[in-house]
Amino acid sequence: MTIEELNKIKAAKADIVKVRTIIAEEGEKLAKETGYRKQVLVCGGTGCQSSHSMDVLKALKDELAAQGIADEVLVVRTGCFGLCSLGPIVIVYPEGAFYSQATPEGIKRIVDEHLVKGEICKDLLYKETVHEDGSIISLYETNFYRKQKRIALRNCGVIDPEDIEEYIATEGYQALYKVLDSMTPDEVVKEVLDSGIRGRGGAGFPTGRKWMFTKDAPGDVKYVACNADEGDPGAFMDRSILEGDPTLSSRL
């Protein structure tokens, strides 16, 4: 694939994904331009699946078909949002309406009242997103999220991890192209060293030093092994990345 082809895919999908990162009037306008007046994100992470989010997803698709609006609403199964205790999680954009502990029965109301009639089901929303005056705020303005600066997990809960075009829309493979097209191995290793990136295990070993050792080792062919073992099941770090943004490694 050429960089021109990559950028063509990026341009085609960029606005669809952007709708999930902005709300209010700008989001409403952009949503109309994408061809989908609504987007419904359903968490497909391990935590939400244990709370039967796949039943919620099926109920959503069935109800959209029954109401005759399946072509107007984009349904996206995402990775983990992080708030597993509130699962199953469903978010409707462009409003950014955050429905927590969703059920198949509740989904029928959301489709009928919110997606068809335009009335948000405020009693089903996560309570912290609803102000006393009835206005709603973004999930990312709540106490759990507002002080977070997501880096490795920034696409988790935003993109469909099984749709590579959505990954490309978020700058996916741009770094890989730069590396292959215009950088030497030494420049790549220096970039990683200078970044300060460390391993996500307990030792926190500098990633750049690992790359340097590998580059300098004897042999013309080198291999990269992806260690996705959950050695610390309480942390669940690898699980979140693999479920929510599995091709993250191509973006430096």
Protein backbone atom coordinates (compact mmCIF):
# COMPACT_ATOMS: atom_id res chain seq x y z
CA MET A 1 0.00 0.00 0.00
CA THR A 2 1.28 3.48 -0.87
CA ILE A 3 1.10 6.51 1.42
CA GLU A 4 -1.43 8.03 -0.99
CA GLU A 5 -3.71 5.01 -0.58
CA LEU A 6 -3.25 5.13 3.18
CA ASN A 7 -4.19 8.81 3.32
CA LYS A 8 -7.23 8.18 1.11
CA ILE A 9 -8.56 5.66 3.64
CA LYS A 10 -7.74 8.07 6.47
CA ALA A 11 -9.66 10.90 4.83
CA ALA A 12 -12.70 8.70 4.17
CA LYS A 13 -13.01 7.57 7.79
CA ALA A 14 -11.63 10.54 9.74
CA ASP A 15 -14.90 12.47 10.18
CA ILE A 16 -16.82 9.35 11.21
CA VAL A 17 -14.36 8.74 14.05
CA LYS A 18 -14.14 12.45 14.91
CA VAL A 19 -17.88 12.54 15.70
CA ARG A 20 -17.04 10.40 18.76
CA THR A 21 -14.61 12.98 20.13
CA ILE A 22 -16.74 16.13 19.92
CA ILE A 23 -20.27 16.93 21.03
CA ALA A 24 -22.83 19.76 20.83
CA GLU A 25 -23.47 21.71 17.63
CA GLU A 26 -20.17 20.90 15.93
CA GLY A 27 -20.78 17.19 16.44
CA GLU A 28 -24.34 17.43 15.12
CA LYS A 29 -23.17 19.17 11.95
CA LEU A 30 -20.34 16.72 11.34
CA ALA A 31 -22.60 13.72 11.94
CA LYS A 32 -24.94 14.81 9.15
CA GLU A 33 -22.00 15.08 6.75
CA THR A 34 -20.89 11.49 7.44
CA GLY A 35 -24.20 9.93 6.37
CA TYR A 36 -25.05 8.63 9.86
CA ARG A 37 -27.22 10.87 11.99
CA LYS A 38 -26.31 8.82 15.08
CA GLN A 39 -23.48 6.57 16.18
CA VAL A 40 -23.97 4.08 19.01
CA LEU A 41 -20.88 2.70 20.72
CA VAL A 42 -21.23 -0.52 22.71
CA CYS A 43 -18.36 -1.69 24.90
CA GLY A 44 -17.06 -5.11 23.88
CA GLY A 45 -14.32 -5.29 26.51
CA THR A 46 -13.97 -8.23 28.87
CA GLY A 47 -15.59 -6.40 31.79
CA CYS A 48 -18.69 -5.39 29.86
CA GLN A 49 -18.97 -8.77 28.17
CA SER A 50 -19.13 -10.35 31.61
CA SER A 51 -22.12 -8.06 32.21
CA HIS A 52 -23.74 -9.34 28.99
CA SER A 53 -22.93 -6.44 26.67
CA MET A 54 -23.18 -8.78 23.68
CA ASP A 55 -26.86 -9.33 24.53
CA VAL A 56 -27.23 -5.55 24.58
CA LEU A 57 -25.48 -5.27 21.20
CA LYS A 58 -27.78 -7.87 19.65
CA ALA A 59 -30.87 -6.18 21.09
CA LEU A 60 -29.68 -2.86 19.67
CA LYS A 61 -29.22 -4.22 16.15
CA ASP A 62 -32.55 -6.06 16.28
CA GLU A 63 -34.43 -2.97 17.47
CA LEU A 64 -32.82 -0.69 14.89
CA ALA A 65 -33.91 -3.11 12.17
CA ALA A 66 -37.42 -3.33 13.62
CA GLN A 67 -37.70 0.47 13.65
CA GLY A 68 -36.38 0.69 10.09
CA ILE A 69 -33.45 2.97 10.92
CA ALA A 70 -30.51 0.55 10.72
CA ASP A 71 -29.08 2.46 7.74
CA GLU A 72 -29.18 5.77 9.62
CA VAL A 73 -27.36 4.64 12.76
CA LEU A 74 -23.78 3.36 12.86
CA VAL A 75 -23.27 0.69 15.53
CA VAL A 76 -19.71 0.29 16.77
CA ARG A 77 -18.39 -2.38 19.10
CA THR A 78 -15.43 -0.83 20.93
CA GLY A 79 -12.79 -1.90 23.38
CA CYS A 80 -12.81 -1.09 27.09
CA PHE A 81 -13.84 2.38 28.32
CA GLY A 82 -12.26 1.81 31.73
CA LEU A 83 -15.39 2.14 33.86
CA CYS A 84 -16.04 -1.59 34.01
CA SER A 85 -18.19 -1.32 37.15
CA LEU A 86 -20.78 0.61 35.12
CA GLY A 87 -21.06 -1.89 32.29
CA PRO A 88 -22.53 -2.66 29.93
CA ILE A 89 -21.68 0.80 28.58
CA VAL A 90 -23.49 2.37 25.61
CA ILE A 91 -22.72 5.86 24.28
CA VAL A 92 -24.78 7.70 21.67
CA TYR A 93 -23.09 10.34 19.52
CA PRO A 94 -23.08 13.16 18.56
CA GLU A 95 -24.76 13.99 21.88
CA GLY A 96 -22.26 11.96 23.89
CA ALA A 97 -25.10 10.46 25.95
CA PHE A 98 -23.51 7.92 28.29
CA TYR A 99 -25.86 5.07 29.23
CA SER A 100 -24.52 2.87 32.03
CA GLN A 101 -25.52 -0.65 33.10
CA ALA A 102 -27.47 -1.02 29.88
CA THR A 103 -29.92 -3.89 29.40
CA PRO A 104 -31.75 -5.29 26.36
CA GLU A 105 -34.97 -3.84 27.77
CA GLY A 106 -33.37 -0.43 28.26
CA ILE A 107 -31.99 -0.53 24.73
CA LYS A 108 -35.52 -0.74 23.34
CA ARG A 109 -36.33 2.51 25.14
CA ILE A 110 -33.12 4.15 23.93
CA VAL A 111 -33.90 3.28 20.31
CA ASP A 112 -37.55 4.32 20.52
CA GLU A 113 -37.20 7.47 22.63
CA HIS A 114 -33.69 8.70 21.84
CA LEU A 115 -32.84 7.50 18.34
CA VAL A 116 -36.35 7.71 16.85
CA LYS A 117 -38.06 10.51 18.82
CA GLY A 118 -34.97 12.52 19.77
CA GLU A 119 -35.56 12.43 23.53
CA ILE A 120 -32.57 11.31 25.62
CA CYS A 121 -33.50 8.75 28.29
CA LYS A 122 -31.99 10.72 31.16
CA ASP A 123 -33.03 8.21 33.80
CA LEU A 124 -30.81 5.63 32.09
CA LEU A 125 -27.76 7.90 31.86
CA TYR A 126 -24.78 7.68 34.20
CA LYS A 127 -25.94 10.08 36.91
CA GLU A 128 -22.73 12.13 36.99
CA THR A 129 -23.24 13.18 33.36
CA VAL A 130 -26.61 14.82 34.11
CA HIS A 131 -26.68 18.32 35.65
CA GLU A 132 -29.50 19.61 37.86
CA ASP A 133 -30.76 21.77 34.99
CA GLY A 134 -31.10 18.66 32.83
CA SER A 135 -28.12 19.33 30.58
CA ILE A 136 -25.62 16.53 30.00
CA ILE A 137 -21.84 16.51 29.90
CA SER A 138 -19.36 14.27 28.14
CA LEU A 139 -18.19 11.07 29.78
CA TYR A 140 -14.68 12.52 29.66
CA GLU A 141 -15.69 15.44 31.87
CA THR A 142 -16.62 13.16 34.77
CA ASN A 143 -14.44 12.71 37.85
CA PHE A 144 -13.10 9.37 36.62
CA TYR A 145 -11.76 10.80 33.35
CA ARG A 146 -11.16 14.53 33.57
CA LYS A 147 -7.67 14.33 35.09
CA GLN A 148 -6.53 11.50 32.87
CA LYS A 149 -4.19 11.99 29.93
CA ARG A 150 -4.59 8.92 27.82
CA ILE A 151 -1.61 7.94 25.70
CA ALA A 152 -1.41 4.22 24.98
CA LEU A 153 -5.14 3.84 25.65
CA ARG A 154 -6.38 6.93 23.81
CA ASN A 155 -8.26 4.97 21.15
CA CYS A 156 -9.77 2.42 23.53
CA GLY A 157 -13.49 2.97 23.73
CA VAL A 158 -13.36 5.17 20.62
CA ILE A 159 -12.60 2.97 17.60
CA ASP A 160 -13.75 -0.43 16.43
CA PRO A 161 -10.67 -2.58 17.11
CA GLU A 162 -11.64 -4.95 14.29
CA ASP A 163 -11.94 -2.20 11.66
CA ILE A 164 -8.44 -1.39 10.45
CA GLU A 165 -9.73 1.63 8.53
CA GLU A 166 -10.81 3.27 11.79
CA TYR A 167 -7.29 2.73 13.10
CA ILE A 168 -5.89 4.33 9.95
CA ALA A 169 -8.25 7.28 10.50
CA THR A 170 -6.47 7.99 13.80
CA GLU A 171 -3.01 8.32 12.21
CA GLY A 172 -2.46 4.56 12.08
CA TYR A 173 0.62 3.41 10.11
CA GLN A 174 1.82 6.98 9.55
CA ALA A 175 4.80 6.41 11.86
CA LEU A 176 5.55 3.09 10.19
CA TYR A 177 5.60 4.79 6.79
CA LYS A 178 7.95 7.48 8.11
CA VAL A 179 10.30 4.85 9.55
CA LEU A 180 10.44 2.80 6.36
CA ASP A 181 10.60 5.77 4.01
CA SER A 182 12.96 8.27 5.60
CA MET A 183 14.71 6.99 8.76
CA THR A 184 17.75 4.83 9.42
CA PRO A 185 17.74 2.10 12.09
CA ASP A 186 19.95 4.28 14.30
CA GLU A 187 17.54 7.20 13.97
CA VAL A 188 14.59 5.00 14.90
CA VAL A 189 16.34 3.64 17.99
CA LYS A 190 17.36 7.17 19.05
CA GLU A 191 13.76 8.36 18.68
CA VAL A 192 12.55 5.60 20.99
CA LEU A 193 15.38 6.22 23.46
CA ASP A 194 14.69 9.96 23.54
CA SER A 195 10.97 9.36 24.07
CA GLY A 196 11.61 7.72 27.43
CA ILE A 197 9.17 4.90 26.65
CA ARG A 198 9.47 2.03 29.11
CA GLY A 199 8.10 -1.48 29.29
CA ARG A 200 4.66 -1.80 30.85
CA GLY A 201 5.82 -4.48 33.28
CA GLY A 202 7.00 -3.88 36.81
CA ALA A 203 10.67 -3.38 35.87
CA GLY A 204 9.97 -0.47 33.53
CA PHE A 205 13.00 -1.28 31.37
CA PRO A 206 13.69 1.39 28.71
CA THR A 207 12.23 0.22 25.40
CA GLY A 208 14.87 2.04 23.38
CA ARG A 209 17.64 0.04 25.03
CA LYS A 210 15.87 -3.21 24.10
CA TRP A 211 15.68 -2.03 20.50
CA MET A 212 19.34 -1.00 20.57
CA PHE A 213 20.45 -4.40 21.91
CA THR A 214 18.40 -6.13 19.21
CA LYS A 215 19.80 -3.93 16.43
CA ASP A 216 23.39 -4.54 17.56
CA ALA A 217 22.97 -8.30 18.03
CA PRO A 218 24.54 -10.65 15.43
CA GLY A 219 22.37 -11.79 12.53
CA ASP A 220 20.69 -10.22 9.52
CA VAL A 221 17.11 -11.09 10.52
CA LYS A 222 15.60 -9.91 13.81
CA TYR A 223 12.25 -10.82 15.34
CA VAL A 224 9.80 -8.98 17.57
CA ALA A 225 7.71 -11.08 19.93
CA CYS A 226 4.53 -9.52 21.33
CA ASN A 227 4.27 -10.48 24.99
CA ALA A 228 0.58 -10.14 25.74
CA ASP A 229 0.56 -12.37 28.81
CA GLU A 230 -1.41 -11.04 31.77
CA GLY A 231 1.28 -11.66 34.37
CA ASP A 232 -0.51 -9.21 36.65
CA PRO A 233 -4.23 -9.96 36.17
CA GLY A 234 -5.22 -7.13 38.50
CA ALA A 235 -3.63 -4.57 36.18
CA PHE A 236 -5.22 -5.82 32.94
CA MET A 237 -2.94 -3.50 30.93
CA ASP A 238 -2.27 -5.73 27.94
CA ARG A 239 -5.89 -6.83 27.76
CA SER A 240 -7.13 -3.26 27.36
CA ILE A 241 -4.76 -2.49 24.49
CA LEU A 242 -5.29 -5.76 22.64
CA GLU A 243 -9.08 -5.49 22.91
CA GLY A 244 -9.32 -1.78 22.17
CA ASP A 245 -6.44 -0.81 19.86
CA PRO A 246 -4.58 -3.96 18.74
CA THR A 247 -2.50 -2.31 16.00
CA LEU A 248 -1.18 0.42 18.30
CA SER A 249 2.43 -0.72 17.80
CA SER A 250 2.64 0.83 14.33
CA ARG A 251 2.27 4.36 15.72
CA LEU A 252 5.35 5.76 17.49
